[in-house]
Amino acid sequence: MKVTVKSLSEKLYEKRDCRDMLEILIDGKSSFTVFDGEPEDATLARDFNDCWSIPGLMRVAFDAGKNGEDFEVENVNVDEF
């Protein structure tokens, strides 16, 4: 299993008025995305609603380990998303 963690480059972070984002891809497929938006949207019902998927993602990682799969994590800073 390859996990890629994407966040903004410093340049894009500054361009977006210091609002960041985090995306997790599992084997190239987007599985989790959260981002800083307007303060009134910074709730689990809006900008952070993918947090509800964390238990399922933990199960995927656990099962991969149980099945003897390799577990690779790559961190990437992106200039666009």
N, C-alpha and C. Protein backbone atom coordinates (compact mmCIF):
# COMPACT_ATOMS: atom_id res chain seq x y z
N MET A 1 0.85 -1.17 0.00
CA MET A 1 0.00 0.00 0.00
C MET A 1 0.89 1.23 0.00
N LYS A 2 0.61 2.15 -0.92
CA LYS A 2 1.35 3.40 -0.95
C LYS A 2 0.41 4.52 -0.55
N VAL A 3 0.81 5.25 0.48
CA VAL A 3 0.05 6.39 0.97
C VAL A 3 0.81 7.66 0.60
N THR A 4 0.14 8.56 -0.10
CA THR A 4 0.73 9.84 -0.46
C THR A 4 -0.01 10.93 0.30
N VAL A 5 0.75 11.75 1.01
CA VAL A 5 0.18 12.86 1.78
C VAL A 5 0.55 14.15 1.05
N LYS A 6 -0.46 14.84 0.54
CA LYS A 6 -0.22 16.07 -0.20
C LYS A 6 -0.64 17.28 0.62
N SER A 7 0.21 18.29 0.60
CA SER A 7 -0.14 19.58 1.20
C SER A 7 0.42 20.66 0.29
N LEU A 8 0.11 21.89 0.60
CA LEU A 8 0.50 22.99 -0.28
C LEU A 8 1.96 23.36 -0.10
N SER A 9 2.56 23.78 -1.21
CA SER A 9 3.91 24.34 -1.13
C SER A 9 3.83 25.67 -0.39
N GLU A 10 4.95 26.14 0.09
CA GLU A 10 4.97 27.41 0.81
C GLU A 10 4.45 28.54 -0.08
N LYS A 11 4.80 28.50 -1.36
CA LYS A 11 4.37 29.53 -2.31
C LYS A 11 2.84 29.55 -2.44
N LEU A 12 2.23 28.39 -2.63
CA LEU A 12 0.78 28.34 -2.78
C LEU A 12 0.08 28.63 -1.46
N TYR A 13 0.67 28.19 -0.36
CA TYR A 13 0.12 28.48 0.97
C TYR A 13 0.00 29.98 1.16
N GLU A 14 1.07 30.70 0.84
CA GLU A 14 1.05 32.16 0.98
C GLU A 14 0.07 32.79 0.00
N LYS A 15 -0.01 32.26 -1.21
CA LYS A 15 -0.93 32.78 -2.23
C LYS A 15 -2.38 32.62 -1.77
N ARG A 16 -2.66 31.58 -1.01
CA ARG A 16 -4.02 31.32 -0.51
C ARG A 16 -4.27 31.94 0.85
N ASP A 17 -3.52 32.98 1.18
CA ASP A 17 -3.68 33.70 2.46
C ASP A 17 -3.53 32.79 3.67
N CYS A 18 -2.52 31.94 3.62
CA CYS A 18 -2.18 31.03 4.73
C CYS A 18 -3.30 30.05 5.06
N ARG A 19 -3.98 29.60 4.03
CA ARG A 19 -4.99 28.56 4.19
C ARG A 19 -4.44 27.30 3.54
N ASP A 20 -4.31 26.27 4.32
CA ASP A 20 -3.65 25.05 3.88
C ASP A 20 -4.68 23.99 3.52
N MET A 21 -4.18 22.88 3.00
CA MET A 21 -5.01 21.71 2.70
C MET A 21 -4.18 20.47 2.91
N LEU A 22 -4.86 19.37 3.08
CA LEU A 22 -4.21 18.07 3.24
C LEU A 22 -5.05 17.05 2.48
N GLU A 23 -4.38 16.30 1.63
CA GLU A 23 -5.05 15.24 0.89
C GLU A 23 -4.25 13.96 1.07
N ILE A 24 -4.93 12.86 1.32
CA ILE A 24 -4.29 11.56 1.44
C ILE A 24 -4.79 10.68 0.30
N LEU A 25 -3.83 10.15 -0.45
CA LEU A 25 -4.14 9.23 -1.54
C LEU A 25 -3.64 7.85 -1.14
N ILE A 26 -4.45 6.83 -1.38
CA ILE A 26 -4.05 5.45 -1.14
C ILE A 26 -3.97 4.77 -2.49
N ASP A 27 -2.77 4.33 -2.82
CA ASP A 27 -2.50 3.72 -4.12
C ASP A 27 -3.01 4.61 -5.26
N GLY A 28 -2.78 5.92 -5.14
CA GLY A 28 -3.13 6.87 -6.18
C GLY A 28 -4.56 7.38 -6.17
N LYS A 29 -5.39 6.84 -5.28
CA LYS A 29 -6.80 7.25 -5.22
C LYS A 29 -7.03 8.16 -4.01
N SER A 30 -7.62 9.33 -4.25
CA SER A 30 -7.91 10.26 -3.17
C SER A 30 -8.86 9.62 -2.17
N SER A 31 -8.43 9.61 -0.89
CA SER A 31 -9.23 8.96 0.15
C SER A 31 -9.61 9.90 1.28
N PHE A 32 -8.95 11.06 1.36
CA PHE A 32 -9.17 11.97 2.49
C PHE A 32 -8.71 13.36 2.05
N THR A 33 -9.57 14.36 2.22
CA THR A 33 -9.19 15.73 1.90
C THR A 33 -9.83 16.68 2.89
N VAL A 34 -9.01 17.53 3.49
CA VAL A 34 -9.50 18.60 4.35
C VAL A 34 -8.75 19.87 3.97
N PHE A 35 -9.39 21.00 4.16
CA PHE A 35 -8.76 22.26 3.81
C PHE A 35 -9.28 23.39 4.66
N ASP A 36 -8.43 24.41 4.80
CA ASP A 36 -8.83 25.62 5.50
C ASP A 36 -9.65 26.47 4.54
N GLY A 37 -10.83 26.81 4.96
CA GLY A 37 -11.68 27.69 4.18
C GLY A 37 -12.06 28.88 5.04
N GLU A 38 -13.26 29.33 4.87
CA GLU A 38 -13.75 30.42 5.71
C GLU A 38 -13.96 29.89 7.13
N PRO A 39 -13.67 30.69 8.15
CA PRO A 39 -13.79 30.21 9.53
C PRO A 39 -15.16 29.60 9.85
N GLU A 40 -16.22 30.17 9.29
CA GLU A 40 -17.55 29.63 9.59
C GLU A 40 -17.78 28.27 8.95
N ASP A 41 -16.92 27.87 8.00
CA ASP A 41 -17.04 26.57 7.36
C ASP A 41 -16.10 25.52 7.96
N ALA A 42 -15.32 25.90 8.95
CA ALA A 42 -14.34 25.00 9.55
C ALA A 42 -15.03 24.09 10.58
N THR A 43 -15.91 23.24 10.06
CA THR A 43 -16.66 22.33 10.91
C THR A 43 -16.58 20.92 10.33
N LEU A 44 -16.95 19.94 11.12
CA LEU A 44 -16.98 18.56 10.64
C LEU A 44 -18.08 18.36 9.60
N ALA A 45 -19.05 19.24 9.57
CA ALA A 45 -20.11 19.13 8.59
C ALA A 45 -19.72 19.74 7.24
N ARG A 46 -18.62 20.49 7.18
CA ARG A 46 -18.25 21.17 5.94
C ARG A 46 -16.81 20.85 5.57
N ASP A 47 -15.87 21.75 5.88
CA ASP A 47 -14.49 21.62 5.41
C ASP A 47 -13.78 20.37 5.94
N PHE A 48 -14.20 19.86 7.06
CA PHE A 48 -13.51 18.72 7.68
C PHE A 48 -14.36 17.46 7.70
N ASN A 49 -15.32 17.35 6.78
CA ASN A 49 -16.22 16.19 6.82
C ASN A 49 -15.53 14.88 6.50
N ASP A 50 -14.38 14.90 5.82
CA ASP A 50 -13.67 13.64 5.57
C ASP A 50 -13.09 13.04 6.85
N CYS A 51 -13.08 13.79 7.93
CA CYS A 51 -12.60 13.24 9.21
C CYS A 51 -13.44 12.04 9.62
N TRP A 52 -14.69 12.00 9.18
CA TRP A 52 -15.56 10.87 9.51
C TRP A 52 -15.08 9.59 8.85
N SER A 53 -14.23 9.69 7.84
CA SER A 53 -13.73 8.49 7.16
C SER A 53 -12.48 7.90 7.83
N ILE A 54 -11.96 8.55 8.85
CA ILE A 54 -10.72 8.09 9.49
C ILE A 54 -10.82 6.65 10.01
N PRO A 55 -11.87 6.24 10.70
CA PRO A 55 -11.93 4.84 11.15
C PRO A 55 -11.84 3.84 10.00
N GLY A 56 -12.48 4.13 8.87
CA GLY A 56 -12.40 3.24 7.71
C GLY A 56 -10.99 3.20 7.14
N LEU A 57 -10.31 4.35 7.10
CA LEU A 57 -8.94 4.38 6.62
C LEU A 57 -8.01 3.60 7.55
N MET A 58 -8.28 3.68 8.85
CA MET A 58 -7.50 2.90 9.80
C MET A 58 -7.69 1.41 9.55
N ARG A 59 -8.90 1.01 9.22
CA ARG A 59 -9.19 -0.40 8.94
C ARG A 59 -8.44 -0.85 7.70
N VAL A 60 -8.40 0.00 6.66
CA VAL A 60 -7.67 -0.34 5.43
C VAL A 60 -6.19 -0.54 5.75
N ALA A 61 -5.60 0.36 6.54
CA ALA A 61 -4.18 0.24 6.90
C ALA A 61 -3.94 -1.01 7.76
N PHE A 62 -4.82 -1.27 8.71
CA PHE A 62 -4.69 -2.45 9.56
C PHE A 62 -4.74 -3.72 8.72
N ASP A 63 -5.72 -3.80 7.82
CA ASP A 63 -5.86 -4.99 6.97
C ASP A 63 -4.66 -5.18 6.06
N ALA A 64 -4.11 -4.08 5.55
CA ALA A 64 -2.92 -4.18 4.71
C ALA A 64 -1.76 -4.78 5.50
N GLY A 65 -1.58 -4.31 6.73
CA GLY A 65 -0.52 -4.86 7.57
C GLY A 65 -0.76 -6.31 7.91
N LYS A 66 -2.00 -6.63 8.23
CA LYS A 66 -2.36 -8.01 8.58
C LYS A 66 -2.10 -8.96 7.41
N ASN A 67 -2.29 -8.44 6.20
CA ASN A 67 -2.08 -9.25 5.00
C ASN A 67 -0.64 -9.22 4.49
N GLY A 68 0.24 -8.58 5.26
CA GLY A 68 1.66 -8.58 4.91
C GLY A 68 2.04 -7.61 3.79
N GLU A 69 1.16 -6.67 3.46
CA GLU A 69 1.47 -5.70 2.42
C GLU A 69 2.53 -4.71 2.91
N ASP A 70 3.34 -4.23 1.98
CA ASP A 70 4.25 -3.14 2.32
C ASP A 70 3.43 -1.89 2.59
N PHE A 71 3.99 -1.00 3.41
CA PHE A 71 3.31 0.25 3.76
C PHE A 71 4.29 1.38 3.55
N GLU A 72 4.08 2.14 2.50
CA GLU A 72 4.99 3.23 2.14
C GLU A 72 4.24 4.55 2.26
N VAL A 73 4.87 5.55 2.88
CA VAL A 73 4.28 6.88 3.01
C VAL A 73 5.19 7.87 2.32
N GLU A 74 4.60 8.69 1.46
CA GLU A 74 5.33 9.73 0.74
C GLU A 74 4.64 11.06 1.04
N ASN A 75 5.43 12.06 1.41
CA ASN A 75 4.92 13.42 1.63
C ASN A 75 5.28 14.28 0.45
N VAL A 76 4.28 15.02 -0.07
CA VAL A 76 4.47 15.84 -1.27
C VAL A 76 3.89 17.22 -1.03
N ASN A 77 4.64 18.26 -1.40
CA ASN A 77 4.10 19.63 -1.39
C ASN A 77 3.79 19.99 -2.83
N VAL A 78 2.58 20.49 -3.06
CA VAL A 78 2.12 20.78 -4.41
C VAL A 78 1.96 22.28 -4.63
N ASP A 79 2.14 22.71 -5.89
CA ASP A 79 1.98 24.11 -6.25
C ASP A 79 0.58 24.40 -6.78
N GLU A 80 -0.23 23.38 -6.94
CA GLU A 80 -1.62 23.54 -7.36
C GLU A 80 -2.42 22.32 -6.92
N PHE A 81 -3.72 22.52 -6.77
CA PHE A 81 -4.59 21.39 -6.46
C PHE A 81 -5.92 21.58 -7.10
